[in-house]
Every structure is written in structure tokens, then in C-alpha cells.
Protein backbone atom coordinates (compact mmCIF):
# COMPACT_ATOMS: atom_id res chain seq x y z
CA MET A 1 0.00 0.00 0.00
CA LEU A 2 1.02 3.58 -0.58
CA VAL A 3 2.56 5.50 2.31
CA PRO A 4 0.14 8.31 3.29
CA SER A 5 1.35 11.89 2.87
CA ARG A 6 2.21 13.99 5.90
CA ARG A 7 -0.84 16.14 5.30
CA ARG A 8 -3.07 13.09 5.28
CA LEU A 9 -1.43 11.80 8.47
CA ARG A 10 -2.01 15.12 10.24
CA ILE A 11 -5.67 15.17 9.21
CA GLU A 12 -6.05 11.55 10.26
CA MET A 13 -4.53 12.29 13.68
CA TRP A 14 -6.83 15.25 14.28
CA ILE A 15 -9.84 13.09 13.38
CA VAL A 16 -8.79 10.27 15.72
CA LEU A 17 -7.93 12.59 18.61
CA GLY A 18 -11.02 14.72 18.04
CA LEU A 19 -13.18 11.63 18.38
CA SER A 20 -11.38 10.29 21.43
CA LEU A 21 -8.73 11.45 23.89
CA GLY A 22 -8.08 14.84 22.33
CA GLN A 23 -11.74 15.66 22.86
CA SER A 24 -11.43 14.38 26.45
CA ALA A 25 -8.41 16.66 27.00
CA VAL A 26 -10.33 19.75 25.86
CA TYR A 27 -13.28 18.93 28.12
CA SER A 28 -10.88 18.22 30.97
CA VAL A 29 -9.27 21.66 30.73
CA VAL A 30 -12.69 23.33 30.70
CA GLN A 31 -13.83 21.24 33.68
CA LEU A 32 -10.67 22.18 35.59
CA LEU A 33 -11.28 25.88 34.96
CA ASP A 34 -14.91 25.46 36.01
CA LYS A 35 -13.87 23.83 39.30
CA MET A 36 -11.12 26.35 40.01
CA THR A 37 -13.47 29.31 39.50
CA ARG A 38 -16.11 27.81 41.80
CA ALA A 39 -13.99 26.86 44.82
CA PRO A 40 -10.47 25.72 45.77
CA LEU A 41 -9.53 22.47 44.04
CA ALA A 42 -9.22 20.72 47.40
CA GLU A 43 -12.97 21.20 47.85
CA GLY A 44 -13.79 19.76 44.42
CA THR A 45 -14.78 16.20 43.59
CA SER A 46 -14.14 14.09 40.50
CA THR A 47 -16.42 11.11 39.97
CA LEU A 48 -15.20 8.60 37.39
CA ASN A 49 -18.00 6.05 37.02
CA ARG A 50 -21.40 7.64 37.44
CA SER A 51 -24.85 6.11 37.51
CA GLN A 52 -26.78 7.19 34.42
CA SER A 53 -30.26 6.12 35.42
CA SER A 54 -32.16 5.40 38.63
CA ARG A 55 -33.64 2.35 36.87
CA GLU A 56 -31.31 -0.62 37.24
CA TYR A 57 -31.43 -2.16 33.78
CA PHE A 58 -31.45 1.14 31.95
CA ASP A 59 -28.36 2.09 33.93
CA LEU A 60 -26.74 -1.21 32.93
CA THR A 61 -27.67 -0.56 29.29
CA TYR A 62 -26.16 2.93 29.34
CA GLN A 63 -22.98 1.67 31.00
CA LEU A 64 -22.50 -1.08 28.40
CA LEU A 65 -23.25 1.29 25.52
CA ASP A 66 -20.62 3.73 26.83
CA ILE A 67 -18.04 0.95 26.94
CA VAL A 68 -18.84 -0.32 23.45
CA PHE A 69 -18.90 3.07 21.74
CA ALA A 70 -15.73 4.22 23.52
CA LEU A 71 -13.94 1.42 21.67
CA VAL A 72 -14.98 2.65 18.21
CA PRO A 73 -11.98 5.05 17.89
CA VAL A 74 -9.73 2.06 18.67
CA VAL A 75 -11.30 0.18 15.77
CA LEU A 76 -10.70 3.25 13.60
CA VAL A 77 -7.04 3.34 14.67
CA ILE A 78 -6.57 -0.34 13.89
CA TYR A 79 -8.16 0.28 10.50
CA PHE A 80 -5.87 3.21 9.74
CA LEU A 81 -2.75 1.36 10.83
CA THR A 82 -3.71 -1.67 8.76
CA GLU A 83 -4.73 0.26 5.65
CA HIS A 84 -1.65 2.50 5.69
CA ARG A 85 0.96 -0.16 6.36
CA PRO A 86 3.74 0.15 3.77
CA SER A 87 4.09 -3.04 1.78
CA GLY A 88 7.04 -5.11 2.95
CA ALA A 89 7.90 -2.74 5.80
CA ALA A 90 9.71 -4.01 8.87
CA GLY A 91 7.35 -5.16 11.58
CA GLY A 92 4.73 -6.00 8.98
CA GLY A 93 1.67 -8.10 9.55
CA THR A 94 -1.61 -7.03 11.06
CA ALA A 95 -1.95 -3.87 13.11
CA PHE A 96 -2.42 -6.06 16.18
CA GLN A 97 0.94 -7.70 15.53
CA ARG A 98 2.68 -4.39 14.88
CA LEU A 99 1.33 -2.94 18.12
CA GLY A 100 2.01 -6.07 20.14
CA LEU A 101 -1.68 -6.23 21.02
CA ASN A 102 -2.11 -10.00 20.88
CA PHE A 103 -1.70 -13.13 22.96
CA GLU A 104 1.60 -14.40 21.57
CA ARG A 105 3.35 -14.33 24.98
CA PRO A 106 0.64 -14.25 27.69
CA GLY A 107 2.84 -15.24 30.63
CA ARG A 108 5.49 -12.63 30.00
CA ASP A 109 2.92 -9.93 29.23
CA LEU A 110 1.05 -10.66 32.47
CA LEU A 111 4.25 -10.55 34.49
CA GLN A 112 5.34 -7.25 32.94
CA GLY A 113 1.82 -5.84 33.25
CA PHE A 114 1.53 -6.56 36.96
CA GLY A 115 5.07 -5.26 37.51
CA LEU A 116 4.23 -1.99 35.78
CA ALA A 117 0.99 -1.73 37.76
CA ALA A 118 2.94 -2.02 41.00
CA LEU A 119 5.55 0.46 39.79
CA ILE A 120 2.89 3.05 38.94
CA GLY A 121 0.18 2.26 41.45
CA ILE A 122 2.06 2.40 44.73
CA PRO A 123 3.68 5.83 44.16
CA SER A 124 0.39 7.18 42.78
CA LEU A 125 -1.22 6.73 46.19
CA GLY A 126 1.46 8.93 47.75
CA LEU A 127 1.13 11.47 44.94
CA TYR A 128 -2.64 11.57 45.45
CA ALA A 129 -2.21 12.14 49.19
CA ALA A 130 0.39 14.86 48.54
CA GLY A 131 -1.86 16.55 46.00
CA ARG A 132 -4.75 16.56 48.43
CA ALA A 133 -2.52 18.00 51.16
CA LEU A 134 -1.25 20.73 48.84
CA GLY A 135 -4.75 21.54 47.63
CA ILE A 136 -4.01 20.84 43.95
CA THR A 137 -6.03 17.63 43.62
CA THR A 138 -9.76 17.08 43.90
CA ALA A 139 -11.27 14.24 45.91
CA ILE A 140 -11.45 11.33 43.48
CA ILE A 141 -14.43 9.00 43.65
CA PRO A 142 -13.62 6.06 41.34
CA SER A 143 -17.18 4.73 41.37
CA ALA A 144 -20.60 6.15 42.20
CA LEU A 145 -22.58 3.26 40.73
CA ASP A 146 -25.37 1.80 42.80
CA ALA A 147 -24.77 -1.67 44.23
CA TYR A 148 -26.31 -4.09 41.75
CA TRP A 149 -25.34 -7.62 40.77
CA TRP A 150 -23.68 -6.22 37.64
CA THR A 151 -21.75 -3.37 39.28
CA VAL A 152 -18.40 -5.16 39.70
CA PRO A 153 -18.42 -6.80 36.23
CA VAL A 154 -19.23 -3.44 34.62
CA LEU A 155 -16.44 -1.73 36.55
CA VAL A 156 -14.01 -4.43 35.39
CA LEU A 157 -15.15 -3.95 31.78
CA SER A 158 -14.82 -0.19 32.19
CA ALA A 159 -11.25 -0.60 33.47
CA ILE A 160 -10.34 -2.83 30.53
CA ARG A 161 -11.94 -0.31 28.17
CA HIS A 162 -9.79 2.50 29.58
CA GLY A 163 -6.67 0.38 29.25
CA ILE A 164 -7.35 -0.48 25.62
CA VAL A 165 -8.46 2.99 24.50
CA GLU A 166 -5.67 4.93 26.18
CA GLU A 167 -2.76 2.65 25.41
CA VAL A 168 -3.72 1.96 21.79
CA ILE A 169 -4.36 5.62 20.96
CA VAL A 170 -1.98 7.63 23.16
CA VAL A 171 0.96 5.22 22.90
CA GLY A 172 0.75 2.81 19.97
CA TYR A 173 -1.02 5.04 17.45
CA LEU A 174 0.37 8.44 18.45
CA LEU A 175 4.01 7.31 18.56
CA ASP A 176 3.61 5.59 15.20
CA ARG A 177 2.10 8.64 13.52
CA LEU A 178 4.43 11.20 15.09
CA GLY A 179 7.37 9.05 14.04
CA LYS A 180 6.12 9.04 10.46
CA LEU A 181 5.80 12.83 10.64
CA GLY A 182 9.48 13.02 11.44
CA TRP A 183 9.31 13.69 15.16
CA ALA A 184 12.28 12.59 17.25
CA MET A 185 11.33 9.85 19.71
CA PRO A 186 11.91 11.98 22.87
CA ALA A 187 9.58 14.66 21.48
CA ALA A 188 6.95 12.06 20.56
CA ILE A 189 7.13 10.53 24.03
CA PHE A 190 6.77 13.99 25.60
CA ALA A 191 3.70 14.74 23.45
CA SER A 192 2.16 11.38 24.35
CA ALA A 193 2.76 11.97 28.07
CA MET A 194 1.34 15.52 27.95
CA LEU A 195 -1.79 14.29 26.22
CA ARG A 196 -2.23 11.58 28.85
CA GLY A 197 -1.83 14.11 31.62
CA SER A 198 -4.14 16.62 29.94
CA TYR A 199 -7.23 14.44 29.83
CA HIS A 200 -6.84 13.86 33.57
CA LEU A 201 -6.67 17.58 34.41
CA TYR A 202 -10.30 17.61 35.56
CA GLN A 203 -9.02 15.71 38.62
CA GLY A 204 -6.51 18.44 39.42
CA PHE A 205 -2.81 19.13 38.86
CA GLY A 206 -1.62 16.16 40.92
CA PRO A 207 -3.24 13.59 38.60
CA PHE A 208 -1.93 15.56 35.61
CA ILE A 209 1.63 15.19 36.90
CA GLY A 210 1.17 11.56 37.91
CA ASN A 211 -0.37 10.51 34.61
CA ALA A 212 2.24 12.43 32.62
CA ILE A 213 4.97 10.52 34.45
CA MET A 214 3.08 7.30 33.81
CA GLY A 215 2.88 8.28 30.15
CA VAL A 216 6.64 8.69 29.89
CA ILE A 217 7.26 5.31 31.55
CA PHE A 218 4.70 3.49 29.40
CA ALA A 219 5.94 5.09 26.19
CA VAL A 220 9.56 4.24 26.94
CA VAL A 221 8.61 0.64 27.75
CA TYR A 222 6.69 0.43 24.47
CA THR A 223 9.56 1.80 22.38
CA ARG A 224 11.80 -0.90 23.85
CA THR A 225 9.41 -3.85 23.68
CA ARG A 226 7.06 -2.85 20.82
CA ARG A 227 4.25 -4.49 22.78
CA LEU A 228 1.10 -2.76 24.02
CA MET A 229 -0.35 -5.78 25.79
CA PRO A 230 1.67 -5.32 29.03
CA LEU A 231 0.62 -1.65 29.11
CA VAL A 232 -3.05 -2.53 28.62
CA ILE A 233 -2.81 -5.14 31.39
CA ALA A 234 -1.08 -2.71 33.76
CA HIS A 235 -3.59 0.05 33.09
CA ALA A 236 -6.54 -2.30 33.49
CA VAL A 237 -5.16 -3.66 36.77
CA LEU A 238 -4.69 -0.14 38.16
CA ASP A 239 -8.24 0.85 37.27
CA ILE A 240 -9.78 -2.42 38.48
CA VAL A 241 -8.13 -1.97 41.87
CA ALA A 242 -9.35 1.64 42.05
CA PHE A 243 -12.88 1.10 40.69
CA VAL A 244 -13.73 -2.19 42.37
CA GLY A 245 -11.80 -1.40 45.54
CA PHE A 246 -13.75 1.82 46.02
CA SER A 247 -17.05 0.14 45.13
CA LEU A 248 -16.47 -2.61 47.71
CA PHE A 249 -14.76 -0.65 50.46
CA GLY A 250 -15.84 2.94 49.87
CA LYS A 251 -12.39 4.55 50.17
CA ALA A 252 -11.14 7.08 47.60
CA ILE A 253 -7.80 6.01 46.21
CA GLY A 254 -5.35 7.33 43.62
CA LEU A 255 -5.90 6.36 40.02
CA GLY A 256 -3.26 5.70 37.34
């Protein structure tokens, strides 16, 4: 297949980001400004998984629809990466193979994923506490869903969704496209990390810093391994612990 022009790549990137995490970043900045102009950030609250209906099965339906439609930009990214793959290029094969988003080495991916989750998760609790103490982080409520039989499974699916969407788009796709636009790898990693931090700004400046650091670590790991699966696993584990832990025990905890 023909290599897309730089102009086409830029347009493609704006479309993907405008439909997904770029849009989230814009809303996040506006939400941060809204919170800061209402009251000190320390008095603000950020709720991550909200109930969308007081009727149990309509709430379940809305939650599942959100998860499914949030994955559509990932499908678009996979399509773009597959359609625009140069014929005979190194690392050829399907987009899933190129991104390392497959089950070719499950044991090693799980081990690396849990290791990354521990590396990110434990310090994030301290960063959250420090941010709250400094007044630069809102109170984070990972889940405000009512307690139904489906609450925990939906929170697990939501965590997996976040892992897939964020790692595929902000790491795998963005680094690929910025590289093709001629960006040096350090600059591409910085842009990826800033985007990750930006769509968490609605939680305050502490989560922005923490997620930006996480973004650098994840991007560096990906450039060395060329595998997204450990990153998706790590991200999902972090969110499952936060979402389900809060739902079961009712204690706000830091989120990666």
C-alpha cells in the first residue's frame, strides 16, 4: 500500500484525537477551569464512574453502551494502521501484531503488566495524598454506581476499556504517527505523556503530573518492547483496583 502523505497523516490524527482522547483533554481543561473558579480544588470532587439512570437495567444498558462506543476510535485506529501499512515494511503483519496487542506471549505480558501496575500504582497513592494535602487535587471517587449484581463486572469492563483505548491511541497510534511525521522519539514521548496528563486535568494538577509521568514510563517501555499488551494489562489492573476497591470498600484512592 502507498505511504500516506504527511498532510493526510495530520488530518487523520486530528480526526482520531477529536473523536477520542483529544476531545477528552479539551473537556478536561474546561472542567478544571470550572472547578477552580467555583472553589479551591481541594474542595472539588471528580467522579469517574457515574450512575446514568435510577432504573437498574437502563443504567446497565447505558454503561454497556458507553463501553462499546468508547472502543470505536480504537477500531478506527486499527483500520488506519492496517490500511496505511507500507508493503514489505519491517514489523509488517496485522496492526495487532505491529502494536504487540495480541496473545503471543501471555505469561510474559502478564508478568510485565503486573510489575508496571505495582511500579505506577504504589507511588500514585502517595502522589494523590500529597496533591490533596497541597490543595491541587480534587477528591477522586472512582465509582458512584449503585450496588447491583452487575456493578463489579461493569467496573471491570470499564477498566479494561480505559486500558485499551488509552494505550492503543496515546501510545501505539500516536508514537507511530508522530514518528512518520518526522518527530524525534523523545519529542513524541513527551507529546504522548502531555496528552495523557491533559485528559486527567479535571481531577486536578496532581493527577496531571502523575499521569504524565506514567505516560513517559509506558511510552519508553513500548519503544523498547514494541508491545502494548503489558501496558493494557497494567492500566486495566490499576483501574480495576481503584474502581472495584472503592465500590467494595468505599475509600477514595489514587488512580493511574
